[in-house]
C-alpha atoms as a PDB file:
ATOM      1  CA  VAL A   1     141.813  73.244  98.404  1.00  0.00           C
ATOM      2  CA  ALA A   2     142.167  76.248  96.569  1.00  0.00           C
ATOM      3  CA  ALA A   3     138.773  76.070  95.094  1.00  0.00           C
ATOM      4  CA  SER A   4     137.248  74.121  98.525  1.00  0.00           C
ATOM      5  CA  LEU A   5     138.687  77.655  99.829  1.00  0.00           C
ATOM      6  CA  MET A   6     137.034  79.733  96.872  1.00  0.00           C
ATOM      7  CA  SER A   7     134.001  77.523  97.505  1.00  0.00           C
ATOM      8  CA  ILE A   8     133.465  78.773 101.061  1.00  0.00           C
ATOM      9  CA  ALA A   9     134.027  82.112 100.351  1.00  0.00           C
ATOM     10  CA  ILE A  10     131.493  82.546  97.776  1.00  0.00           C
ATOM     11  CA  ARG A  11     129.061  80.812 100.494  1.00  0.00           C
ATOM     12  CA  ASN A  12     129.855  84.017 102.540  1.00  0.00           C
ATOM     13  CA  VAL A  13     129.363  86.562 100.409  1.00  0.00           C
ATOM     14  CA  THR A  14     126.343  85.238  99.402  1.00  0.00           C
ATOM     15  CA  LEU A  15     125.491  84.184 103.422  1.00  0.00           C
ATOM     16  CA  LEU A  16     126.392  88.453 103.856  1.00  0.00           C
ATOM     17  CA  VAL A  17     124.446  89.543 101.335  1.00  0.00           C
ATOM     18  CA  ASP A  18     121.350  87.849 102.699  1.00  0.00           C
ATOM     19  CA  THR A  19     121.514  88.708 105.532  1.00  0.00           C
ATOM     20  CA  ARG A  20     122.328  92.343 104.957  1.00  0.00           C
ATOM     21  CA  GLU A  21     118.885  92.654 103.219  1.00  0.00           C
ATOM     22  CA  GLY A  22     116.467  90.637 105.245  1.00  0.00           C
ATOM     23  CA  SER A  23     117.503  93.366 107.953  1.00  0.00           C
ATOM     24  CA  VAL A  24     116.827  96.000 105.811  1.00  0.00           C
ATOM     25  CA  GLN A  25     113.893  94.406 103.475  1.00  0.00           C
ATOM     26  CA  ASP A  26     111.239  92.576 105.276  1.00  0.00           C
ATOM     27  CA  PRO A  27     110.567  89.850 102.827  1.00  0.00           C
ATOM     28  CA  LEU A  28     107.274  89.426 103.144  1.00  0.00           C
ATOM     29  CA  THR A  29     106.191  92.919 102.070  1.00  0.00           C
ATOM     30  CA  GLY A  30     109.210  94.299 100.624  1.00  0.00           C
ATOM     31  CA  CYS A  31     108.989  96.974 101.718  1.00  0.00           C
ATOM     32  CA  LEU A  32     111.347  98.714 104.394  1.00  0.00           C
ATOM     33  CA  ASN A  33     111.912  96.979 108.017  1.00  0.00           C
ATOM     34  CA  ARG A  34     111.316  99.531 110.744  1.00  0.00           C
ATOM     35  CA  LYS A  35     114.616 100.835 111.657  1.00  0.00           C
ATOM     36  CA  PRO A  36     116.072 101.396 107.916  1.00  0.00           C
ATOM     37  CA  GLY A  37     112.676 103.289 107.175  1.00  0.00           C
ATOM     38  CA  LEU A  38     112.660 105.540 109.494  1.00  0.00           C
ATOM     39  CA  ASP A  39     116.775 106.126 109.022  1.00  0.00           C
ATOM     40  CA  GLN A  40     114.887 107.673 105.562  1.00  0.00           C
ATOM     41  CA  LEU A  41     112.225 109.304 106.957  1.00  0.00           C
ATOM     42  CA  ASP A  42     114.796 111.178 109.336  1.00  0.00           C
ATOM     43  CA  ALA A  43     116.667 111.931 105.896  1.00  0.00           C
ATOM     44  CA  GLU A  44     113.575 112.778 104.413  1.00  0.00           C
ATOM     45  CA  LEU A  45     112.575 115.228 106.711  1.00  0.00           C
ATOM     46  CA  ARG A  46     115.715 117.133 106.902  1.00  0.00           C
ATOM     47  CA  ARG A  47     115.955 117.204 103.097  1.00  0.00           C
ATOM     48  CA  ALA A  48     112.123 118.898 103.183  1.00  0.00           C
ATOM     49  CA  LYS A  49     113.366 121.247 105.532  1.00  0.00           C
ATOM     50  CA  ARG A  50     116.906 122.540 103.561  1.00  0.00           C
ATOM     51  CA  SER A  51     115.201 122.674 100.818  1.00  0.00           C
ATOM     52  CA  GLY A  52     111.763 124.079 101.737  1.00  0.00           C
ATOM     53  CA  GLN A  53     110.529 120.864  99.923  1.00  0.00           C
ATOM     54  CA  PRO A  54     107.001 119.413 101.447  1.00  0.00           C
ATOM     55  CA  LEU A  55     107.237 115.710 102.730  1.00  0.00           C
ATOM     56  CA  SER A  56     103.960 113.843 104.105  1.00  0.00           C
ATOM     57  CA  VAL A  57     103.811 111.006 105.972  1.00  0.00           C
ATOM     58  CA  LEU A  58     100.596 108.629 105.821  1.00  0.00           C
ATOM     59  CA  MET A  59     100.535 105.396 108.826  1.00  0.00           C
ATOM     60  CA  LEU A  60      98.416 102.708 107.513  1.00  0.00           C
ATOM     61  CA  ASP A  61      96.893  99.585 109.408  1.00  0.00           C
ATOM     62  CA  VAL A  62      95.081  97.026 108.377  1.00  0.00           C
ATOM     63  CA  ASP A  63      91.108  96.872 110.057  1.00  0.00           C
ATOM     64  CA  HIS A  64      90.298  94.246 112.352  1.00  0.00           C
ATOM     65  CA  PHE A  65      93.334  92.678 111.761  1.00  0.00           C
ATOM     66  CA  LYS A  66      93.342  90.120 114.629  1.00  0.00           C
ATOM     67  CA  GLN A  67      90.420  89.048 113.526  1.00  0.00           C
ATOM     68  CA  ILE A  68      91.683  87.983 110.416  1.00  0.00           C
ATOM     69  CA  ASN A  69      94.444  86.324 112.124  1.00  0.00           C
ATOM     70  CA  ASP A  70      91.811  84.389 114.427  1.00  0.00           C
ATOM     71  CA  ARG A  71      89.529  82.966 112.063  1.00  0.00           C
ATOM     72  CA  PHE A  72      91.209  82.049 109.048  1.00  0.00           C
ATOM     73  CA  GLY A  73      95.416  82.093 110.834  1.00  0.00           C
ATOM     74  CA  HIS A  74      98.392  83.675 110.531  1.00  0.00           C
ATOM     75  CA  LEU A  75      99.229  81.762 107.212  1.00  0.00           C
ATOM     76  CA  CYS A  76      96.311  84.148 105.841  1.00  0.00           C
ATOM     77  CA  GLY A  77      97.618  87.092 107.768  1.00  0.00           C
ATOM     78  CA  ASP A  78     100.346  86.833 106.160  1.00  0.00           C
ATOM     79  CA  LEU A  79      98.713  86.665 102.669  1.00  0.00           C
ATOM     80  CA  VAL A  80      97.389  89.974 103.817  1.00  0.00           C
ATOM     81  CA  LEU A  81     100.553  91.482 104.376  1.00  0.00           C
ATOM     82  CA  GLY A  82     102.028  90.120 101.028  1.00  0.00           C
ATOM     83  CA  ALA A  83      99.293  91.268  98.764  1.00  0.00           C
ATOM     84  CA  ILE A  84      99.420  94.921 101.026  1.00  0.00           C
ATOM     85  CA  GLY A  85     102.794  95.752 100.584  1.00  0.00           C
ATOM     86  CA  ARG A  86     103.367  94.202  96.699  1.00  0.00           C
ATOM     87  CA  HIS A  87     100.595  96.695  96.102  1.00  0.00           C
ATOM     88  CA  LEU A  88     102.564  99.962  97.699  1.00  0.00           C
ATOM     89  CA  VAL A  89     105.572  98.826  95.955  1.00  0.00           C
ATOM     90  CA  GLN A  90     104.607  98.377  92.727  1.00  0.00           C
ATOM     91  CA  THR A  91     102.042 101.093  92.664  1.00  0.00           C
ATOM     92  CA  LEU A  92     104.152 104.542  95.063  1.00  0.00           C
ATOM     93  CA  ARG A  93     106.693 106.227  93.143  1.00  0.00           C
ATOM     94  CA  GLY A  94     110.637 104.918  93.793  1.00  0.00           C
ATOM     95  CA  SER A  95     110.998 107.889  95.483  1.00  0.00           C
ATOM     96  CA  ASP A  96     108.511 107.447  98.541  1.00  0.00           C
ATOM     97  CA  ILE A  97     109.754 105.680 100.942  1.00  0.00           C
ATOM     98  CA  LYS A  98     107.092 102.083 102.127  1.00  0.00           C
ATOM     99  CA  CYS A  99     108.081 100.850 105.627  1.00  0.00           C
ATOM    100  CA  ARG A 100     106.269  98.020 107.817  1.00  0.00           C
ATOM    101  CA  TYR A 101     106.328 100.218 111.042  1.00  0.00           C
ATOM    102  CA  GLY A 102     105.570  96.965 112.805  1.00  0.00           C
ATOM    103  CA  GLY A 103     102.552  94.162 112.744  1.00  0.00           C
ATOM    104  CA  ASP A 104      99.788  95.452 110.667  1.00  0.00           C
ATOM    105  CA  GLU A 105     100.830  98.820 110.113  1.00  0.00           C
ATOM    106  CA  PHE A 106     103.151 100.307 107.494  1.00  0.00           C
ATOM    107  CA  ILE A 107     104.768 104.140 107.143  1.00  0.00           C
ATOM    108  CA  LEU A 108     104.433 105.423 103.524  1.00  0.00           C
ATOM    109  CA  VAL A 109     106.811 108.811 103.590  1.00  0.00           C
ATOM    110  CA  LEU A 110     106.186 110.768 100.505  1.00  0.00           C
ATOM    111  CA  PRO A 111     108.596 113.800  99.448  1.00  0.00           C
ATOM    112  CA  GLY A 112     108.093 117.154  97.334  1.00  0.00           C
ATOM    113  CA  THR A 113     104.546 115.888  98.476  1.00  0.00           C
ATOM    114  CA  PRO A 114     101.765 118.679 100.381  1.00  0.00           C
ATOM    115  CA  LEU A 115      98.955 117.557 102.628  1.00  0.00           C
ATOM    116  CA  ASN A 116      96.277 117.898 100.191  1.00  0.00           C
ATOM    117  CA  GLY A 117      98.376 115.089  97.102  1.00  0.00           C
ATOM    118  CA  ALA A 118      99.007 113.314 100.121  1.00  0.00           C
ATOM    119  CA  GLN A 119      95.662 112.786 100.977  1.00  0.00           C
ATOM    120  CA  GLN A 120      94.988 111.608  97.163  1.00  0.00           C
ATOM    121  CA  VAL A 121      97.531 109.747  97.742  1.00  0.00           C
ATOM    122  CA  ALA A 122      95.997 107.089 100.431  1.00  0.00           C
ATOM    123  CA  ASN A 123      92.418 107.619  99.476  1.00  0.00           C
ATOM    124  CA  ALA A 124      93.975 105.905  96.323  1.00  0.00           C
ATOM    125  CA  ILE A 125      96.071 103.063  98.603  1.00  0.00           C
ATOM    126  CA  ARG A 126      92.707 102.289 100.112  1.00  0.00           C
ATOM    127  CA  GLN A 127      90.230 102.198  97.155  1.00  0.00           C
ATOM    128  CA  ALA A 128      92.702  99.990  95.222  1.00  0.00           C
ATOM    129  CA  ILE A 129      93.001  98.011  98.393  1.00  0.00           C
ATOM    130  CA  VAL A 130      89.398  97.023  98.932  1.00  0.00           C
ATOM    131  CA  THR A 131      88.827  96.350  95.656  1.00  0.00           C
ATOM    132  CA  GLN A 132      91.739  93.700  95.572  1.00  0.00           C
ATOM    133  CA  PRO A 133      90.388  91.059  97.968  1.00  0.00           C
ATOM    134  CA  VAL A 134      93.141  88.123  99.343  1.00  0.00           C
ATOM    135  CA  GLU A 135      92.623  85.092  97.866  1.00  0.00           C
ATOM    136  CA  HIS A 136      92.960  82.378 100.710  1.00  0.00           C
ATOM    137  CA  ASN A 137      91.331  78.557 100.656  1.00  0.00           C
ATOM    138  CA  GLY A 138      89.401  79.331  96.999  1.00  0.00           C
ATOM    139  CA  GLN A 139      87.589  82.324  99.444  1.00  0.00           C
ATOM    140  CA  ALA A 140      88.026  85.905  98.071  1.00  0.00           C
ATOM    141  CA  LEU A 141      88.393  87.918 101.389  1.00  0.00           C
ATOM    142  CA  PRO A 142      87.614  91.537 101.614  1.00  0.00           C
ATOM    143  CA  VAL A 143      90.300  94.096 103.006  1.00  0.00           C
ATOM    144  CA  THR A 144      90.143  97.221 104.036  1.00  0.00           C
ATOM    145  CA  VAL A 145      92.786  99.609 105.746  1.00  0.00           C
ATOM    146  CA  SER A 146      92.672 102.510 107.576  1.00  0.00           C
ATOM    147  CA  ILE A 147      94.928 105.623 106.815  1.00  0.00           C
ATOM    148  CA  GLY A 148      96.318 108.138 108.980  1.00  0.00           C
ATOM    149  CA  VAL A 149      97.890 111.484 107.439  1.00  0.00           C
ATOM    150  CA  ALA A 150     100.565 114.213 108.600  1.00  0.00           C
ATOM    151  CA  CYS A 151     102.314 116.911 106.711  1.00  0.00           C
ATOM    152  CA  ALA A 152     105.589 117.759 108.196  1.00  0.00           C
ATOM    153  CA  GLU A 153     105.556 121.642 109.915  1.00  0.00           C
ATOM    154  CA  PRO A 154     108.242 124.136 107.205  1.00  0.00           C
ATOM    155  CA  LEU A 155     110.934 123.643 110.153  1.00  0.00           C
ATOM    156  CA  GLU A 156     109.980 120.416 111.515  1.00  0.00           C
ATOM    157  CA  VAL A 157     113.321 117.683 112.633  1.00  0.00           C
ATOM    158  CA  ASP A 158     111.324 115.506 114.690  1.00  0.00           C
ATOM    159  CA  ILE A 159     110.277 112.609 113.329  1.00  0.00           C
ATOM    160  CA  LYS A 160     108.219 111.049 116.858  1.00  0.00           C
ATOM    161  CA  ALA A 161     106.169 114.004 116.462  1.00  0.00           C
ATOM    162  CA  LEU A 162     105.439 113.747 112.824  1.00  0.00           C
ATOM    163  CA  ILE A 163     105.141 110.105 113.533  1.00  0.00           C
ATOM    164  CA  ALA A 164     102.706 111.011 116.490  1.00  0.00           C
ATOM    165  CA  ARG A 165     100.268 113.463 114.318  1.00  0.00           C
ATOM    166  CA  ALA A 166     100.397 110.643 111.799  1.00  0.00           C
ATOM    167  CA  ASP A 167      99.112 107.909 114.054  1.00  0.00           C
ATOM    168  CA  HIS A 168      96.686 110.357 116.073  1.00  0.00           C
ATOM    169  CA  ALA A 169      95.189 111.089 111.975  1.00  0.00           C
ATOM    170  CA  LEU A 170      95.014 106.712 111.689  1.00  0.00           C
ATOM    171  CA  TYR A 171      92.945 106.740 114.441  1.00  0.00           C
ATOM    172  CA  SER A 172      90.463 109.915 113.656  1.00  0.00           C
ATOM    173  CA  ALA A 173      90.571 107.474 110.412  1.00  0.00           C
ATOM    174  CA  LYS A 174      89.679 104.534 112.224  1.00  0.00           C
ATOM    175  CA  GLU A 175      86.373 105.630 113.965  1.00  0.00           C
END
């Protein structure tokens, strides 16, 4: 009886840990989910204000993602998102926040990075992704992304305004 109860307790703890990880981290991309990512952005923005350090935000969007899903199927779309997420997790600094904002959009938070440095990071990400096509059913599918960049103002604490500027820059990049 004791062993049975212990087994159930261990299983419950394992399920709790799995559920918590699934609510924090997107299993498809390895990036944070939206809510925990925005919570960390808020904390980093407040830290940047206190310390006077720069903080940049990148908004990344997969170009023509709907067409990828429509033409090749949602499993292929998942492959694309997974490849991009893995690339971001593997190449950006551990202190950078990688967040799946929604659908095919990601927000990247670069603490201590001024605008020109963030633009260099965005360009490097864009170039790396375009040179690594996604393999699907024996076919190499080229993938491109557009990235908008915004830098926090010195006394800024409004994450919505910062994200809105990065989103506006993203739309300019798409044009």
